[in-house]
C-alpha atoms as a PDB file:
ATOM      1  CA  UNK A   1       5.442   8.055  13.704  1.00  0.00           C
ATOM      2  CA  UNK A   2       7.378   9.755  10.912  1.00  0.00           C
ATOM      3  CA  UNK A   3       5.382  10.462   7.731  1.00  0.00           C
ATOM      4  CA  UNK A   4       7.229   8.639   4.911  1.00  0.00           C
ATOM      5  CA  UNK A   5       5.649  10.971   2.335  1.00  0.00           C
ATOM      6  CA  UNK A   6       6.616  14.275   3.992  1.00  0.00           C
ATOM      7  CA  UNK A   7       8.532  16.441   1.530  1.00  0.00           C
ATOM      8  CA  UNK A   8       7.794  14.143  -1.402  1.00  0.00           C
ATOM      9  CA  UNK A   9       7.613  15.763  -4.796  1.00  0.00           C
ATOM     10  CA  UNK A  10       4.555  15.051  -7.006  1.00  0.00           C
ATOM     11  CA  UNK A  11       5.182  12.499  -9.746  1.00  0.00           C
ATOM     12  CA  UNK A  12       7.842  10.572  -7.843  1.00  0.00           C
ATOM     13  CA  UNK A  13       7.451   6.907  -7.008  1.00  0.00           C
ATOM     14  CA  UNK A  14       6.429   5.819  -3.513  1.00  0.00           C
ATOM     15  CA  UNK A  15       9.216   4.352  -1.416  1.00  0.00           C
ATOM     16  CA  UNK A  16       8.863   0.574  -1.066  1.00  0.00           C
ATOM     17  CA  UNK A  17       8.679   0.866   2.741  1.00  0.00           C
ATOM     18  CA  UNK A  18       5.759   3.357   2.664  1.00  0.00           C
ATOM     19  CA  UNK A  19       2.543   2.184   4.370  1.00  0.00           C
ATOM     20  CA  UNK A  20      -0.108   1.576   1.720  1.00  0.00           C
ATOM     21  CA  UNK A  21      -3.775   1.110   2.701  1.00  0.00           C
ATOM     22  CA  UNK A  22      -5.945  -0.992   0.378  1.00  0.00           C
ATOM     23  CA  UNK A  23      -9.684  -0.643   0.994  1.00  0.00           C
ATOM     24  CA  UNK A  24     -11.563  -3.841   0.281  1.00  0.00           C
ATOM     25  CA  UNK A  25      -8.416  -5.922   0.472  1.00  0.00           C
ATOM     26  CA  UNK A  26     -10.391  -9.156   0.990  1.00  0.00           C
ATOM     27  CA  UNK A  27     -12.436  -8.659  -2.199  1.00  0.00           C
ATOM     28  CA  UNK A  28     -11.613  -9.740  -5.733  1.00  0.00           C
ATOM     29  CA  UNK A  29     -10.013  -6.488  -6.919  1.00  0.00           C
ATOM     30  CA  UNK A  30      -8.530  -5.484  -3.559  1.00  0.00           C
ATOM     31  CA  UNK A  31      -6.801  -8.794  -3.059  1.00  0.00           C
ATOM     32  CA  UNK A  32      -5.330  -8.529  -6.570  1.00  0.00           C
ATOM     33  CA  UNK A  33      -4.013  -5.043  -5.733  1.00  0.00           C
ATOM     34  CA  UNK A  34      -2.461  -6.348  -2.511  1.00  0.00           C
ATOM     35  CA  UNK A  35      -0.768  -9.220  -4.376  1.00  0.00           C
ATOM     36  CA  UNK A  36       0.531  -6.800  -7.027  1.00  0.00           C
ATOM     37  CA  UNK A  37       1.933  -4.379  -4.456  1.00  0.00           C
ATOM     38  CA  UNK A  38       3.622  -7.150  -2.443  1.00  0.00           C
ATOM     39  CA  UNK A  39       5.031  -8.574  -5.667  1.00  0.00           C
ATOM     40  CA  UNK A  40       6.382  -5.135  -6.567  1.00  0.00           C
ATOM     41  CA  UNK A  41       8.311  -5.064  -3.294  1.00  0.00           C
ATOM     42  CA  UNK A  42       6.054  -3.030  -1.008  1.00  0.00           C
ATOM     43  CA  UNK A  43       6.583  -4.279   2.560  1.00  0.00           C
ATOM     44  CA  UNK A  44       3.885  -2.439   4.540  1.00  0.00           C
ATOM     45  CA  UNK A  45       0.549  -3.167   2.772  1.00  0.00           C
ATOM     46  CA  UNK A  46      -2.414  -2.686   5.108  1.00  0.00           C
ATOM     47  CA  UNK A  47      -6.007  -3.755   4.635  1.00  0.00           C
ATOM     48  CA  UNK A  48      -9.148  -4.119   6.768  1.00  0.00           C
ATOM     49  CA  UNK A  49     -11.064  -7.319   7.058  1.00  0.00           C
ATOM     50  CA  UNK A  50     -14.685  -7.195   8.109  1.00  0.00           C
ATOM     51  CA  UNK A  51     -15.870  -9.423  10.940  1.00  0.00           C
END
């Protein structure tokens, strides 16, 4: 898999197709972060749900 951040300069925005991992995505704050990222146009937001 190609690293979408390879060669990225510090201070530049993440591309909207970059994979973003949100720890605690099922909690109060994590779910709000996921909603915000998806609303901002990020298409590959990843989180882990506990069993």
